[in-house]
N, C-alpha and C. Protein backbone atom coordinates (compact mmCIF):
# COMPACT_ATOMS: atom_id res chain seq x y z
N UNK A 1 -92.76 30.77 -84.27
CA UNK A 1 -92.01 30.90 -83.75
C UNK A 1 -91.18 31.70 -83.11
N UNK A 2 -91.06 32.22 -82.21
CA UNK A 2 -90.11 33.00 -82.35
C UNK A 2 -88.59 33.39 -82.70
N UNK A 3 -87.35 33.95 -82.64
CA UNK A 3 -86.67 33.83 -82.58
C UNK A 3 -85.78 33.52 -81.16
N UNK A 4 -85.92 33.73 -79.86
CA UNK A 4 -85.63 33.63 -79.03
C UNK A 4 -85.70 31.87 -78.32
N UNK A 5 -86.53 31.73 -78.92
CA UNK A 5 -86.72 30.11 -78.34
C UNK A 5 -85.66 28.80 -79.43
N UNK A 6 -85.00 29.51 -80.84
CA UNK A 6 -84.38 29.26 -81.78
C UNK A 6 -83.21 29.49 -81.21
N UNK A 7 -82.53 30.03 -80.22
CA UNK A 7 -81.18 30.87 -79.87
C UNK A 7 -80.94 29.87 -78.74
N UNK A 8 -79.32 29.64 -78.48
CA UNK A 8 -79.48 28.99 -76.67
C UNK A 8 -77.96 29.53 -76.18
N UNK A 9 -78.03 30.41 -75.34
CA UNK A 9 -76.99 30.32 -74.28
C UNK A 9 -76.01 29.52 -73.48
N UNK A 10 -75.08 29.72 -73.80
CA UNK A 10 -73.52 28.06 -72.89
C UNK A 10 -72.99 29.26 -72.06
N UNK A 11 -72.13 29.14 -71.26
CA UNK A 11 -70.71 29.81 -70.80
C UNK A 11 -70.02 28.22 -71.04
N UNK A 12 -68.84 28.59 -71.11
CA UNK A 12 -67.14 27.89 -71.32
C UNK A 12 -65.62 28.99 -71.11
N UNK A 13 -65.53 27.83 -71.08
CA UNK A 13 -63.79 29.09 -69.82
C UNK A 13 -63.46 28.28 -71.96
N UNK A 14 -62.41 29.47 -72.18
CA UNK A 14 -61.76 28.92 -72.80
C UNK A 14 -60.55 30.27 -72.66
N UNK A 15 -59.40 29.71 -72.39
CA UNK A 15 -57.79 29.57 -72.60
C UNK A 15 -57.43 31.00 -73.99
N UNK A 16 -57.71 32.19 -73.59
CA UNK A 16 -57.48 34.10 -74.36
C UNK A 16 -56.94 34.70 -73.79
N UNK A 17 -55.79 35.08 -74.66
CA UNK A 17 -55.61 35.82 -73.89
C UNK A 17 -55.79 37.70 -73.46
N UNK A 18 -55.06 38.15 -72.50
CA UNK A 18 -55.81 38.76 -71.50
C UNK A 18 -55.41 40.66 -71.28
N UNK A 19 -55.45 41.31 -71.71
CA UNK A 19 -53.98 42.87 -71.59
C UNK A 19 -54.42 42.72 -70.32
N UNK A 20 -53.05 42.55 -69.37
CA UNK A 20 -53.30 43.35 -68.32
C UNK A 20 -52.29 44.57 -67.69
N UNK A 21 -53.92 44.83 -66.58
CA UNK A 21 -53.69 46.20 -66.40
C UNK A 21 -51.79 46.34 -65.67
N UNK A 22 -51.41 48.14 -64.96
CA UNK A 22 -49.72 48.68 -64.85
C UNK A 22 -49.39 47.49 -63.51
N UNK A 23 -50.70 47.53 -62.93
CA UNK A 23 -49.97 46.39 -61.50
C UNK A 23 -50.27 45.57 -61.91
N UNK A 24 -51.05 45.02 -62.79
CA UNK A 24 -50.24 43.42 -62.57
C UNK A 24 -49.52 42.48 -63.56
N UNK A 25 -49.15 43.70 -64.27
CA UNK A 25 -47.37 44.04 -65.44
C UNK A 25 -47.26 43.38 -64.41
N UNK A 26 -46.20 44.92 -63.22
CA UNK A 26 -45.69 45.07 -62.68
C UNK A 26 -45.28 43.92 -61.53
N UNK A 27 -46.27 43.12 -60.58
CA UNK A 27 -46.22 41.53 -60.03
C UNK A 27 -45.59 41.16 -60.85
N UNK A 28 -46.29 39.93 -62.17
CA UNK A 28 -45.71 39.40 -63.16
C UNK A 28 -43.77 39.50 -63.00
N UNK A 29 -43.60 41.13 -63.43
CA UNK A 29 -41.94 41.07 -63.56
C UNK A 29 -41.43 40.68 -62.49
N UNK A 30 -41.91 41.40 -60.80
CA UNK A 30 -40.97 40.79 -60.23
C UNK A 30 -41.35 39.57 -59.60
N UNK A 31 -41.77 38.22 -60.14
CA UNK A 31 -42.21 37.47 -59.45
C UNK A 31 -40.86 36.76 -60.68
N UNK A 32 -41.28 36.65 -61.65
CA UNK A 32 -39.47 36.65 -62.97
C UNK A 32 -38.22 36.52 -62.43
N UNK A 33 -38.13 37.86 -61.94
CA UNK A 33 -36.44 38.14 -61.78
C UNK A 33 -36.18 37.54 -60.34
N UNK A 34 -37.45 36.95 -59.59
CA UNK A 34 -36.87 36.94 -58.79
C UNK A 34 -36.59 34.91 -58.70
N UNK A 35 -37.73 34.93 -59.62
CA UNK A 35 -37.39 33.74 -60.51
C UNK A 35 -35.73 32.89 -61.27
N UNK A 36 -36.16 34.46 -62.40
CA UNK A 36 -34.70 34.35 -62.71
C UNK A 36 -33.20 34.40 -61.50
N UNK A 37 -33.50 34.92 -60.02
CA UNK A 37 -32.29 35.05 -59.52
C UNK A 37 -32.37 33.68 -58.52
N UNK A 38 -33.31 32.37 -58.40
CA UNK A 38 -33.49 31.86 -57.76
C UNK A 38 -32.20 31.05 -58.60
N UNK A 39 -32.43 30.98 -60.31
CA UNK A 39 -32.02 29.98 -61.08
C UNK A 39 -30.33 29.87 -61.21
N UNK A 40 -30.10 31.61 -61.02
CA UNK A 40 -28.38 31.35 -61.04
C UNK A 40 -28.22 30.97 -60.23
N UNK A 41 -28.66 31.38 -58.84
CA UNK A 41 -28.47 30.63 -57.59
C UNK A 41 -27.92 29.05 -57.34
N UNK A 42 -29.00 28.64 -58.11
CA UNK A 42 -28.88 27.32 -58.69
C UNK A 42 -28.03 26.20 -58.95
N UNK A 43 -27.48 27.19 -59.67
CA UNK A 43 -26.62 26.76 -61.90
C UNK A 43 -25.22 27.11 -60.48
N UNK A 44 -25.30 28.00 -59.97
CA UNK A 44 -23.66 28.42 -59.07
C UNK A 44 -23.94 27.25 -58.01
N UNK A 45 -24.89 26.45 -57.66
CA UNK A 45 -24.09 25.69 -56.56
C UNK A 45 -24.11 24.14 -57.52
N UNK A 46 -24.93 24.31 -58.30
CA UNK A 46 -24.62 22.89 -58.66
C UNK A 46 -23.24 22.84 -59.88
N UNK A 47 -22.69 24.14 -60.11
CA UNK A 47 -21.15 24.31 -61.17
C UNK A 47 -20.18 23.34 -59.79
N UNK A 48 -20.60 24.25 -58.43
CA UNK A 48 -19.69 24.01 -57.47
C UNK A 48 -20.17 22.68 -57.03
N UNK A 49 -20.95 22.05 -56.95
CA UNK A 49 -21.43 20.65 -56.59
C UNK A 49 -20.18 19.72 -57.22
N UNK A 50 -21.33 19.94 -58.49
CA UNK A 50 -19.59 19.40 -60.23
C UNK A 50 -18.06 19.77 -59.44
N UNK A 51 -18.08 21.08 -59.82
CA UNK A 51 -16.16 20.70 -59.52
C UNK A 51 -15.89 20.09 -57.96
N UNK A 52 -16.40 20.01 -57.21
CA UNK A 52 -16.20 19.46 -56.11
C UNK A 52 -15.72 17.31 -56.35
N UNK A 53 -17.58 17.05 -57.37
CA UNK A 53 -17.15 16.32 -57.86
C UNK A 53 -16.57 15.82 -58.35
N UNK A 54 -16.09 15.90 -59.02
CA UNK A 54 -15.27 16.06 -60.32
C UNK A 54 -13.74 15.85 -59.49
N UNK A 55 -13.36 16.74 -58.59
CA UNK A 55 -12.24 16.20 -58.67
C UNK A 55 -12.24 15.23 -56.72
N UNK A 56 -13.07 14.95 -56.75
CA UNK A 56 -13.63 13.42 -56.51
C UNK A 56 -13.75 13.03 -56.73
N UNK A 57 -14.05 12.73 -57.79
CA UNK A 57 -13.84 11.04 -58.85
C UNK A 57 -12.44 11.69 -59.69
N UNK A 58 -12.26 12.06 -59.73
CA UNK A 58 -10.10 12.18 -60.56
C UNK A 58 -9.09 11.56 -59.65
N UNK A 59 -9.68 11.76 -58.00
CA UNK A 59 -9.30 11.30 -57.09
C UNK A 59 -9.51 9.31 -56.32
N UNK A 60 -10.89 9.69 -56.45
CA UNK A 60 -11.25 8.50 -56.65
C UNK A 60 -10.63 7.32 -58.12
N UNK A 61 -10.32 8.05 -58.94
CA UNK A 61 -10.13 7.58 -60.24
C UNK A 61 -8.76 6.74 -59.70
N UNK A 62 -7.87 8.03 -59.59
CA UNK A 62 -6.31 7.31 -59.25
C UNK A 62 -5.89 6.52 -58.45
N UNK A 63 -7.46 6.28 -57.06
CA UNK A 63 -6.85 5.07 -55.81
C UNK A 63 -7.05 3.78 -56.83
N UNK A 64 -7.95 3.83 -57.55
CA UNK A 64 -7.98 2.70 -58.18
C UNK A 64 -7.38 2.11 -58.80
N UNK A 65 -7.18 3.35 -60.41
CA UNK A 65 -6.08 3.15 -60.73
C UNK A 65 -4.58 2.35 -60.46
N UNK A 66 -4.24 2.96 -58.58
CA UNK A 66 -2.75 2.78 -58.78
C UNK A 66 -2.71 1.25 -57.68
N UNK A 67 -4.34 0.92 -57.30
CA UNK A 67 -4.79 0.07 -56.40
C UNK A 67 -4.91 -1.72 -57.18
N UNK A 68 -5.30 -0.85 -58.73
CA UNK A 68 -5.34 -2.33 -59.47
C UNK A 68 -4.16 -2.71 -59.49
N UNK A 69 -3.53 -1.83 -60.82
CA UNK A 69 -1.61 -2.11 -60.16
C UNK A 69 -1.23 -2.49 -59.58
N UNK A 70 -1.45 -1.97 -58.18
CA UNK A 70 -0.35 -2.98 -56.80
C UNK A 70 -1.50 -4.43 -56.73
N UNK A 71 -2.63 -4.83 -57.03
CA UNK A 71 -2.90 -5.92 -57.14
C UNK A 71 -2.66 -6.67 -57.63
N UNK A 72 -2.43 -6.48 -59.28
CA UNK A 72 -1.73 -6.88 -60.10
C UNK A 72 -0.13 -7.55 -59.92
N UNK A 73 -0.18 -6.20 -59.77
CA UNK A 73 1.64 -7.18 -59.01
C UNK A 73 1.93 -8.02 -58.12
N UNK A 74 1.48 -7.88 -57.08
CA UNK A 74 1.19 -8.39 -55.05
C UNK A 74 0.72 -10.39 -56.55
N UNK A 75 -0.66 -10.04 -57.59
CA UNK A 75 -0.93 -11.54 -57.74
C UNK A 75 -0.14 -12.12 -58.27
N UNK A 76 1.01 -11.61 -59.16
CA UNK A 76 1.37 -11.95 -60.31
C UNK A 76 2.62 -11.86 -58.61
N UNK A 77 2.98 -12.19 -58.40
CA UNK A 77 4.06 -12.63 -56.57
C UNK A 77 3.62 -13.78 -56.56
N UNK A 78 2.68 -14.14 -56.50
CA UNK A 78 1.75 -15.00 -56.00
C UNK A 78 1.29 -16.20 -56.98
N UNK A 79 1.60 -16.33 -57.51
CA UNK A 79 1.22 -16.76 -58.75
C UNK A 79 3.08 -17.51 -58.97
N UNK A 80 3.69 -16.47 -59.30
CA UNK A 80 5.94 -16.77 -59.26
C UNK A 80 5.97 -17.64 -57.57
N UNK A 81 5.24 -17.26 -56.94
CA UNK A 81 5.86 -17.46 -55.58
C UNK A 81 7.46 -16.76 -54.96
N UNK A 82 7.63 -16.10 -55.87
CA UNK A 82 9.11 -15.42 -55.23
C UNK A 82 8.81 -13.92 -56.13
N UNK A 83 9.45 -13.12 -55.15
CA UNK A 83 9.96 -11.79 -55.54
C UNK A 83 11.13 -10.93 -55.85
N UNK A 84 11.48 -9.87 -56.94
CA UNK A 84 13.01 -9.80 -56.99
C UNK A 84 13.18 -8.51 -55.37
N UNK A 85 14.25 -9.15 -54.31
CA UNK A 85 14.88 -8.68 -54.03
C UNK A 85 16.86 -8.16 -54.31
N UNK A 86 17.25 -7.03 -53.19
CA UNK A 86 17.90 -6.66 -53.09
C UNK A 86 18.54 -8.26 -52.07
N UNK A 87 19.63 -8.84 -51.57
CA UNK A 87 20.70 -10.31 -51.75
C UNK A 87 21.76 -9.33 -51.73
N UNK A 88 22.57 -10.24 -50.78
CA UNK A 88 24.30 -9.51 -50.99
C UNK A 88 24.81 -11.36 -51.14
N UNK A 89 25.20 -10.73 -51.77
CA UNK A 89 26.60 -11.70 -52.67
C UNK A 89 27.35 -11.79 -52.37
N UNK A 90 28.69 -12.37 -52.95
CA UNK A 90 30.08 -12.92 -52.85
C UNK A 90 29.83 -12.78 -54.04
N UNK A 91 31.48 -11.90 -54.53
CA UNK A 91 32.09 -12.18 -55.64
C UNK A 91 33.72 -12.61 -54.99
N UNK A 92 33.32 -13.45 -55.66
CA UNK A 92 34.97 -13.45 -56.12
C UNK A 92 35.78 -14.61 -57.35
N UNK A 93 37.21 -13.40 -57.07
CA UNK A 93 37.50 -12.91 -57.82
C UNK A 93 38.42 -14.03 -57.81
N UNK A 94 39.27 -15.40 -58.98
CA UNK A 94 40.23 -16.15 -59.02
C UNK A 94 41.42 -16.36 -60.47
N UNK A 95 42.00 -15.18 -59.99
CA UNK A 95 43.21 -14.56 -61.07
C UNK A 95 43.80 -16.46 -61.49
N UNK A 96 44.09 -17.46 -61.09
CA UNK A 96 44.57 -17.77 -61.19
C UNK A 96 43.71 -18.51 -62.69
N UNK A 97 42.17 -18.72 -62.13
CA UNK A 97 41.55 -19.19 -63.42
C UNK A 97 41.09 -18.71 -63.75
N UNK A 98 41.15 -17.15 -63.83
CA UNK A 98 41.18 -16.52 -64.18
C UNK A 98 39.31 -16.45 -64.31
N UNK A 99 38.39 -16.37 -63.41
CA UNK A 99 36.99 -16.24 -63.53
C UNK A 99 36.39 -15.45 -62.14
N UNK A 100 34.84 -15.64 -62.30
CA UNK A 100 34.67 -14.37 -61.63
C UNK A 100 32.38 -15.31 -61.11
N UNK A 101 32.24 -15.41 -59.89
CA UNK A 101 32.27 -16.39 -59.24
C UNK A 101 31.50 -15.71 -58.42
N UNK A 102 29.88 -14.79 -58.96
CA UNK A 102 29.04 -14.48 -58.16
C UNK A 102 28.34 -15.09 -56.78
N UNK A 103 27.64 -15.50 -55.46
CA UNK A 103 27.22 -16.70 -54.92
C UNK A 103 26.98 -15.75 -53.78
N UNK A 104 24.94 -16.41 -53.70
CA UNK A 104 23.93 -15.40 -52.72
C UNK A 104 24.20 -16.38 -51.17
N UNK A 105 24.63 -14.97 -50.98
CA UNK A 105 24.97 -15.60 -49.20
C UNK A 105 24.05 -16.40 -48.16
N UNK A 106 22.35 -15.97 -48.97
CA UNK A 106 21.59 -16.20 -48.15
C UNK A 106 21.50 -17.80 -48.12
N UNK A 107 21.84 -18.40 -49.49
CA UNK A 107 20.92 -19.77 -49.78
C UNK A 107 22.25 -20.76 -51.00
N UNK A 108 23.66 -19.76 -50.15
CA UNK A 108 25.13 -20.19 -50.69
C UNK A 108 24.61 -20.11 -51.93
N UNK A 109 24.13 -20.23 -52.88
CA UNK A 109 23.88 -20.93 -54.15
C UNK A 109 24.82 -20.06 -55.70
N UNK A 110 25.28 -20.64 -56.10
CA UNK A 110 25.45 -19.43 -57.47
C UNK A 110 24.66 -19.54 -58.05
N UNK A 111 25.03 -17.74 -59.05
CA UNK A 111 24.14 -17.11 -59.60
C UNK A 111 25.19 -16.81 -60.97
N UNK A 112 25.95 -16.72 -60.64
CA UNK A 112 27.04 -16.31 -61.83
C UNK A 112 28.39 -16.82 -61.31
N UNK A 113 28.83 -17.74 -63.08
CA UNK A 113 30.50 -18.20 -63.02
C UNK A 113 29.89 -17.62 -63.86
N UNK A 114 31.49 -16.45 -64.23
CA UNK A 114 31.72 -15.89 -66.02
C UNK A 114 33.68 -15.83 -66.17
N UNK A 115 33.88 -15.53 -67.49
CA UNK A 115 35.37 -15.31 -66.97
C UNK A 115 35.73 -13.73 -67.25
N UNK A 116 37.01 -12.89 -66.27
CA UNK A 116 37.67 -12.16 -66.01
C UNK A 116 38.05 -10.93 -66.94
N UNK A 117 36.44 -10.09 -66.84
CA UNK A 117 37.23 -8.90 -68.21
C UNK A 117 38.28 -8.99 -68.37
N UNK A 118 39.18 -8.15 -69.17
CA UNK A 118 40.55 -7.53 -69.45
C UNK A 118 40.33 -6.10 -68.34
N UNK A 119 40.49 -5.76 -67.77
CA UNK A 119 39.70 -4.71 -66.85
C UNK A 119 40.24 -6.02 -65.49
N UNK A 120 38.83 -6.69 -65.20
CA UNK A 120 39.50 -7.10 -63.77
C UNK A 120 40.56 -8.05 -63.28
N UNK A 121 41.27 -8.86 -64.63
CA UNK A 121 42.33 -9.52 -64.74
C UNK A 121 43.06 -8.42 -64.77
N UNK A 122 44.14 -6.67 -64.70
CA UNK A 122 44.46 -6.08 -64.69
C UNK A 122 44.28 -5.95 -63.36
N UNK A 123 43.67 -5.80 -62.70
CA UNK A 123 43.39 -5.03 -61.12
C UNK A 123 44.21 -6.04 -60.09
N UNK A 124 45.08 -6.30 -59.53
CA UNK A 124 45.45 -6.63 -58.11
C UNK A 124 44.35 -7.41 -57.23
N UNK A 125 45.05 -8.68 -57.04
CA UNK A 125 43.41 -9.43 -55.78
C UNK A 125 43.76 -7.73 -54.42
N UNK A 126 43.15 -6.95 -53.57
CA UNK A 126 42.38 -6.29 -52.42
C UNK A 126 43.59 -7.19 -51.60
N UNK A 127 42.71 -8.00 -51.23
CA UNK A 127 42.55 -9.03 -50.06
C UNK A 127 41.79 -10.56 -50.34
N UNK A 128 43.13 -10.93 -50.37
CA UNK A 128 42.89 -12.81 -50.72
C UNK A 128 42.65 -13.33 -48.21
N UNK A 129 41.66 -14.89 -48.66
CA UNK A 129 41.50 -14.47 -46.91
C UNK A 129 42.72 -14.70 -45.99
N UNK A 130 44.44 -15.65 -46.26
CA UNK A 130 45.41 -15.56 -45.86
C UNK A 130 45.98 -13.71 -45.08
N UNK A 131 45.14 -13.05 -45.99
CA UNK A 131 46.04 -11.99 -45.96
C UNK A 131 44.81 -10.65 -45.65
N UNK A 132 43.37 -10.78 -45.36
CA UNK A 132 42.26 -11.05 -44.01
C UNK A 132 42.89 -11.18 -42.64
N UNK A 133 43.35 -11.91 -42.71
CA UNK A 133 43.85 -12.90 -41.40
C UNK A 133 45.15 -12.41 -40.76
N UNK A 134 45.77 -12.24 -41.49
CA UNK A 134 47.21 -11.31 -41.03
C UNK A 134 47.05 -10.07 -41.20
N UNK A 135 46.50 -8.68 -42.21
CA UNK A 135 45.42 -7.64 -41.30
C UNK A 135 45.28 -7.46 -40.36
N UNK A 136 43.91 -8.39 -40.01
CA UNK A 136 43.66 -8.66 -38.85
C UNK A 136 44.56 -8.52 -37.67
N UNK A 137 45.34 -9.68 -37.07
CA UNK A 137 46.46 -9.41 -36.74
C UNK A 137 47.37 -8.05 -37.00
N UNK A 138 47.25 -6.89 -37.70
CA UNK A 138 48.47 -5.92 -37.23
C UNK A 138 47.87 -5.07 -37.34
N UNK A 139 46.27 -4.43 -36.56
CA UNK A 139 45.66 -3.87 -36.83
C UNK A 139 46.45 -2.63 -35.45
N UNK A 140 46.21 -3.45 -34.29
CA UNK A 140 46.56 -2.33 -34.11
C UNK A 140 47.86 -1.91 -34.12
N UNK A 141 49.28 -2.86 -34.39
CA UNK A 141 50.49 -1.63 -35.28
C UNK A 141 50.34 -0.42 -35.18
N UNK A 142 51.32 0.46 -34.51
CA UNK A 142 51.52 1.35 -35.42
C UNK A 142 52.63 2.37 -36.32
N UNK A 143 51.66 3.58 -36.88
CA UNK A 143 52.38 3.80 -38.04
C UNK A 143 53.57 4.58 -37.51
N UNK A 144 54.54 4.19 -38.48
CA UNK A 144 55.60 5.35 -38.29
C UNK A 144 55.74 5.73 -39.96
N UNK A 145 56.33 7.47 -40.04
CA UNK A 145 57.20 7.29 -41.15
C UNK A 145 56.86 7.77 -42.24
N UNK A 146 57.87 6.43 -42.52
CA UNK A 146 57.93 5.48 -43.19
C UNK A 146 56.06 5.25 -44.43
N UNK A 147 55.04 4.97 -43.28
CA UNK A 147 54.58 3.73 -43.58
C UNK A 147 53.61 5.66 -44.23
N UNK A 148 53.01 6.84 -43.80
CA UNK A 148 52.19 7.92 -43.84
C UNK A 148 52.76 8.33 -45.91
N UNK A 149 52.02 8.80 -46.28
CA UNK A 149 52.10 9.55 -48.05
C UNK A 149 52.94 10.55 -47.15
N UNK A 150 52.80 10.64 -48.61
CA UNK A 150 53.56 12.88 -48.67
C UNK A 150 53.06 13.67 -48.27
N UNK A 151 51.44 13.32 -48.97
CA UNK A 151 50.36 14.33 -48.97
C UNK A 151 50.18 13.78 -47.40
N UNK A 152 50.16 13.72 -46.80
CA UNK A 152 50.10 13.92 -44.87
C UNK A 152 51.43 14.56 -44.16
N UNK A 153 52.57 15.09 -44.96
CA UNK A 153 53.23 16.04 -44.43
C UNK A 153 52.93 17.55 -45.65
N UNK A 154 53.21 18.64 -44.59
CA UNK A 154 52.87 20.64 -44.96
C UNK A 154 54.17 20.04 -45.88
N UNK A 155 53.97 21.37 -46.98
CA UNK A 155 54.70 21.44 -48.40
C UNK A 155 55.94 22.07 -47.88
N UNK A 156 56.91 21.98 -48.26
CA UNK A 156 57.93 23.01 -47.67
C UNK A 156 57.79 24.46 -47.46
N UNK A 157 56.71 25.45 -48.62
CA UNK A 157 56.31 26.80 -48.34
C UNK A 157 55.50 26.81 -47.65
N UNK A 158 55.26 26.21 -47.10
CA UNK A 158 53.59 26.59 -45.98
C UNK A 158 54.08 26.57 -44.75
N UNK A 159 53.72 27.93 -45.05
CA UNK A 159 54.33 28.16 -43.62
C UNK A 159 53.23 28.29 -42.44
N UNK A 160 52.09 28.08 -42.65
CA UNK A 160 50.84 28.97 -42.49
C UNK A 160 50.23 27.52 -41.40
N UNK A 161 51.33 25.55 -41.56
CA UNK A 161 51.05 24.63 -40.96
C UNK A 161 52.56 24.61 -39.51
N UNK A 162 53.72 25.75 -40.42
CA UNK A 162 54.11 25.80 -38.67
C UNK A 162 53.99 26.89 -37.59
N UNK A 163 53.28 27.91 -38.01
CA UNK A 163 52.95 29.51 -37.70
C UNK A 163 51.71 28.77 -37.08
N UNK A 164 50.58 27.27 -37.04
CA UNK A 164 50.33 26.23 -36.03
C UNK A 164 50.39 26.05 -34.72
N UNK A 165 51.79 25.54 -35.58
CA UNK A 165 52.49 25.17 -34.23
C UNK A 165 53.42 25.57 -33.47
N UNK A 166 53.53 26.72 -33.43
CA UNK A 166 54.66 28.09 -32.36
C UNK A 166 53.16 28.47 -32.39
N UNK A 167 51.93 28.97 -32.64
CA UNK A 167 50.69 29.21 -31.35
C UNK A 167 50.62 28.08 -30.60
N UNK A 168 50.79 27.15 -31.00
CA UNK A 168 49.79 26.52 -29.81
C UNK A 168 50.97 25.71 -28.29
N UNK A 169 52.54 25.54 -29.10
CA UNK A 169 53.25 25.78 -28.14
C UNK A 169 53.52 27.29 -27.15
N UNK A 170 53.57 28.52 -27.70
CA UNK A 170 52.94 28.78 -26.50
C UNK A 170 52.42 28.84 -25.17
């Protein structure tokens, strides 16, 4: 037997390192640089989008929390069937009895009756119902000099007041 008969040749493809030419190296360098520029551009765009979404997310989160608080408050009102509001009330100071009575004007419900404080009992009544009628009937009455406070008159040494009158008279 010859030696050729005991040998056999095949061609197989194997993944092995290959020395590149200068031209191939330049092409690979340009492709790598181009890809890195694309990566940088994409990263910047992603950061921009993330920032916009971050602001939107924060705004939406605040809106959600605000609406939850409002809905909770409204639910409490619905559950109780009432809400707190400013209501006009009449406060009656009874100096003879030494009491103060607070009455709602919308329902005429007495909501508070208590003893007058020391300060309240020292105050003089401003207007009783009788005084109010008398005051209304005297609304058109003209006031005389004796009815004016001293502050309404110029002080004796206030010459500017008289100068103005003289100017007006001329």
